[in-house]
């Protein structure tokens, strides 16, 4: 969210050069139009707060874009894990109704 697309690609290329079998787990933000309607207000508030503190969010990726960046960088077995899947796995039985935002997703990949 804080890196340009070029900087993200360069970082992924550097990670791809690490020891064979290294696993990368990184989060990325979805474009607003892919975020659940109920979460958009919170995402906009987070963006405004980040911008006001001098650390604006500058990159948002669709899952397909992030997978393409990872594969082009040389990462193998890149896979997208939707935030909704993680929410289902780890938040389903919560009695307080807490759920993470649908705007953050996960990239898993190996070198």
C-alpha atoms as a PDB file:
ATOM      1  CA  UNK A   1       0.000   0.000   0.000  1.00  0.00           C
ATOM      2  CA  UNK A   2       2.940   2.324   0.582  1.00  0.00           C
ATOM      3  CA  UNK A   3       5.078   1.333  -2.424  1.00  0.00           C
ATOM      4  CA  UNK A   4       4.697   2.243  -6.072  1.00  0.00           C
ATOM      5  CA  UNK A   5       4.011  -0.566  -8.515  1.00  0.00           C
ATOM      6  CA  UNK A   6       7.650  -0.424  -9.669  1.00  0.00           C
ATOM      7  CA  UNK A   7       8.919  -0.611  -6.088  1.00  0.00           C
ATOM      8  CA  UNK A   8       6.579  -3.521  -5.338  1.00  0.00           C
ATOM      9  CA  UNK A   9       7.841  -5.371  -8.426  1.00  0.00           C
ATOM     10  CA  UNK A  10      11.474  -4.697  -7.451  1.00  0.00           C
ATOM     11  CA  UNK A  11      10.830  -5.961  -3.923  1.00  0.00           C
ATOM     12  CA  UNK A  12       9.215  -9.133  -5.259  1.00  0.00           C
ATOM     13  CA  UNK A  13      12.196  -9.696  -7.604  1.00  0.00           C
ATOM     14  CA  UNK A  14      14.567  -9.330  -4.669  1.00  0.00           C
ATOM     15  CA  UNK A  15      12.540 -11.823  -2.629  1.00  0.00           C
ATOM     16  CA  UNK A  16      12.502 -14.233  -5.588  1.00  0.00           C
ATOM     17  CA  UNK A  17      16.307 -14.283  -5.361  1.00  0.00           C
ATOM     18  CA  UNK A  18      16.317 -15.619  -1.797  1.00  0.00           C
ATOM     19  CA  UNK A  19      17.114 -19.234  -0.927  1.00  0.00           C
ATOM     20  CA  UNK A  20      15.097 -21.923  -2.705  1.00  0.00           C
ATOM     21  CA  UNK A  21      11.975 -22.792  -0.756  1.00  0.00           C
ATOM     22  CA  UNK A  22      11.643 -19.403   0.926  1.00  0.00           C
ATOM     23  CA  UNK A  23       7.982 -18.579   1.523  1.00  0.00           C
ATOM     24  CA  UNK A  24       6.572 -15.090   1.151  1.00  0.00           C
ATOM     25  CA  UNK A  25       3.351 -14.054   2.869  1.00  0.00           C
ATOM     26  CA  UNK A  26       2.325 -10.474   2.206  1.00  0.00           C
ATOM     27  CA  UNK A  27      -0.862  -8.507   2.377  1.00  0.00           C
ATOM     28  CA  UNK A  28      -2.091  -6.079  -0.240  1.00  0.00           C
ATOM     29  CA  UNK A  29      -5.026  -3.719  -0.511  1.00  0.00           C
ATOM     30  CA  UNK A  30      -7.768  -4.173  -3.060  1.00  0.00           C
ATOM     31  CA  UNK A  31      -9.050  -1.300  -5.184  1.00  0.00           C
ATOM     32  CA  UNK A  32     -12.049   0.343  -3.513  1.00  0.00           C
ATOM     33  CA  UNK A  33     -14.505  -1.053  -6.066  1.00  0.00           C
ATOM     34  CA  UNK A  34     -13.574  -4.618  -5.015  1.00  0.00           C
ATOM     35  CA  UNK A  35     -14.073  -3.950  -1.303  1.00  0.00           C
ATOM     36  CA  UNK A  36     -17.414  -4.900   0.249  1.00  0.00           C
ATOM     37  CA  UNK A  37     -19.730  -1.896   0.393  1.00  0.00           C
ATOM     38  CA  UNK A  38     -19.913  -2.158   4.197  1.00  0.00           C
ATOM     39  CA  UNK A  39     -16.117  -1.751   4.457  1.00  0.00           C
ATOM     40  CA  UNK A  40     -15.618   1.128   2.021  1.00  0.00           C
ATOM     41  CA  UNK A  41     -16.265   3.885   4.531  1.00  0.00           C
ATOM     42  CA  UNK A  42     -13.640   2.455   6.878  1.00  0.00           C
ATOM     43  CA  UNK A  43     -11.147   2.090   4.035  1.00  0.00           C
ATOM     44  CA  UNK A  44     -11.688   5.713   2.996  1.00  0.00           C
ATOM     45  CA  UNK A  45     -11.193   6.832   6.618  1.00  0.00           C
ATOM     46  CA  UNK A  46      -7.958   4.816   6.826  1.00  0.00           C
ATOM     47  CA  UNK A  47      -6.751   6.334   3.552  1.00  0.00           C
ATOM     48  CA  UNK A  48      -7.503   9.849   4.802  1.00  0.00           C
ATOM     49  CA  UNK A  49      -5.727   9.200   8.099  1.00  0.00           C
ATOM     50  CA  UNK A  50      -2.675   7.781   6.352  1.00  0.00           C
ATOM     51  CA  UNK A  51      -2.548  10.721   3.951  1.00  0.00           C
ATOM     52  CA  UNK A  52      -2.907  13.222   6.829  1.00  0.00           C
ATOM     53  CA  UNK A  53       0.000  11.586   8.668  1.00  0.00           C
ATOM     54  CA  UNK A  54       2.234  11.798   5.595  1.00  0.00           C
ATOM     55  CA  UNK A  55       2.098   8.109   4.682  1.00  0.00           C
ATOM     56  CA  UNK A  56      -0.535   7.897   1.945  1.00  0.00           C
ATOM     57  CA  UNK A  57      -1.708   4.611   0.479  1.00  0.00           C
ATOM     58  CA  UNK A  58      -0.431   4.655  -3.099  1.00  0.00           C
ATOM     59  CA  UNK A  59      -0.929   1.138  -4.397  1.00  0.00           C
ATOM     60  CA  UNK A  60      -3.980  -1.060  -4.717  1.00  0.00           C
ATOM     61  CA  UNK A  61      -4.022  -4.336  -6.667  1.00  0.00           C
ATOM     62  CA  UNK A  62      -6.599  -6.736  -7.951  1.00  0.00           C
ATOM     63  CA  UNK A  63      -5.768 -10.342  -7.061  1.00  0.00           C
ATOM     64  CA  UNK A  64      -4.901 -10.977 -10.727  1.00  0.00           C
ATOM     65  CA  UNK A  65      -2.516  -8.005 -10.804  1.00  0.00           C
ATOM     66  CA  UNK A  66      -0.727  -9.135  -7.651  1.00  0.00           C
ATOM     67  CA  UNK A  67      -0.393 -12.702  -8.934  1.00  0.00           C
ATOM     68  CA  UNK A  68       1.006 -11.413 -12.226  1.00  0.00           C
ATOM     69  CA  UNK A  69       3.562  -9.228 -10.415  1.00  0.00           C
ATOM     70  CA  UNK A  70       4.673 -12.168  -8.273  1.00  0.00           C
ATOM     71  CA  UNK A  71       4.994 -14.554 -11.206  1.00  0.00           C
ATOM     72  CA  UNK A  72       6.787 -11.995 -13.383  1.00  0.00           C
ATOM     73  CA  UNK A  73       9.225 -11.474 -10.508  1.00  0.00           C
ATOM     74  CA  UNK A  74      10.047 -15.190 -10.545  1.00  0.00           C
ATOM     75  CA  UNK A  75       8.083 -16.365  -7.529  1.00  0.00           C
ATOM     76  CA  UNK A  76       6.707 -19.864  -7.918  1.00  0.00           C
ATOM     77  CA  UNK A  77       3.434 -21.252  -6.678  1.00  0.00           C
ATOM     78  CA  UNK A  78       2.029 -17.770  -6.158  1.00  0.00           C
ATOM     79  CA  UNK A  79      -1.470 -17.894  -4.814  1.00  0.00           C
ATOM     80  CA  UNK A  80      -4.070 -15.430  -3.685  1.00  0.00           C
ATOM     81  CA  UNK A  81      -5.836 -15.943  -0.364  1.00  0.00           C
ATOM     82  CA  UNK A  82      -8.934 -13.741  -0.104  1.00  0.00           C
ATOM     83  CA  UNK A  83      -9.383 -11.901   3.156  1.00  0.00           C
ATOM     84  CA  UNK A  84     -12.907 -13.306   3.263  1.00  0.00           C
ATOM     85  CA  UNK A  85     -11.464 -16.838   3.465  1.00  0.00           C
ATOM     86  CA  UNK A  86      -9.258 -15.851   6.391  1.00  0.00           C
ATOM     87  CA  UNK A  87     -12.203 -14.136   8.078  1.00  0.00           C
ATOM     88  CA  UNK A  88     -14.301 -17.261   7.664  1.00  0.00           C
ATOM     89  CA  UNK A  89     -11.555 -19.452   9.085  1.00  0.00           C
ATOM     90  CA  UNK A  90     -10.552 -17.321  12.048  1.00  0.00           C
ATOM     91  CA  UNK A  91     -13.556 -15.155  12.906  1.00  0.00           C
ATOM     92  CA  UNK A  92     -16.632 -17.344  12.325  1.00  0.00           C
ATOM     93  CA  UNK A  93     -17.201 -18.350  15.945  1.00  0.00           C
ATOM     94  CA  UNK A  94     -16.619 -14.931  17.489  1.00  0.00           C
ATOM     95  CA  UNK A  95     -19.516 -13.875  19.651  1.00  0.00           C
ATOM     96  CA  UNK A  96     -18.723 -10.150  19.348  1.00  0.00           C
ATOM     97  CA  UNK A  97     -19.205 -10.033  15.563  1.00  0.00           C
ATOM     98  CA  UNK A  98     -15.703  -8.693  14.896  1.00  0.00           C
ATOM     99  CA  UNK A  99     -14.614  -9.240  11.279  1.00  0.00           C
ATOM    100  CA  UNK A 100     -11.581  -7.925   9.395  1.00  0.00           C
ATOM    101  CA  UNK A 101     -12.043  -5.588   6.449  1.00  0.00           C
ATOM    102  CA  UNK A 102     -12.637  -7.208   3.075  1.00  0.00           C
ATOM    103  CA  UNK A 103     -10.106  -4.785   1.576  1.00  0.00           C
ATOM    104  CA  UNK A 104      -6.944  -6.605   2.602  1.00  0.00           C
ATOM    105  CA  UNK A 105      -5.926  -9.831   0.868  1.00  0.00           C
ATOM    106  CA  UNK A 106      -2.912 -12.123   1.092  1.00  0.00           C
ATOM    107  CA  UNK A 107      -0.314 -13.275  -1.420  1.00  0.00           C
ATOM    108  CA  UNK A 108       1.510 -16.527  -0.658  1.00  0.00           C
ATOM    109  CA  UNK A 109       4.430 -17.563  -2.854  1.00  0.00           C
ATOM    110  CA  UNK A 110       7.644 -19.555  -2.763  1.00  0.00           C
ATOM    111  CA  UNK A 111      11.020 -19.108  -4.391  1.00  0.00           C
END
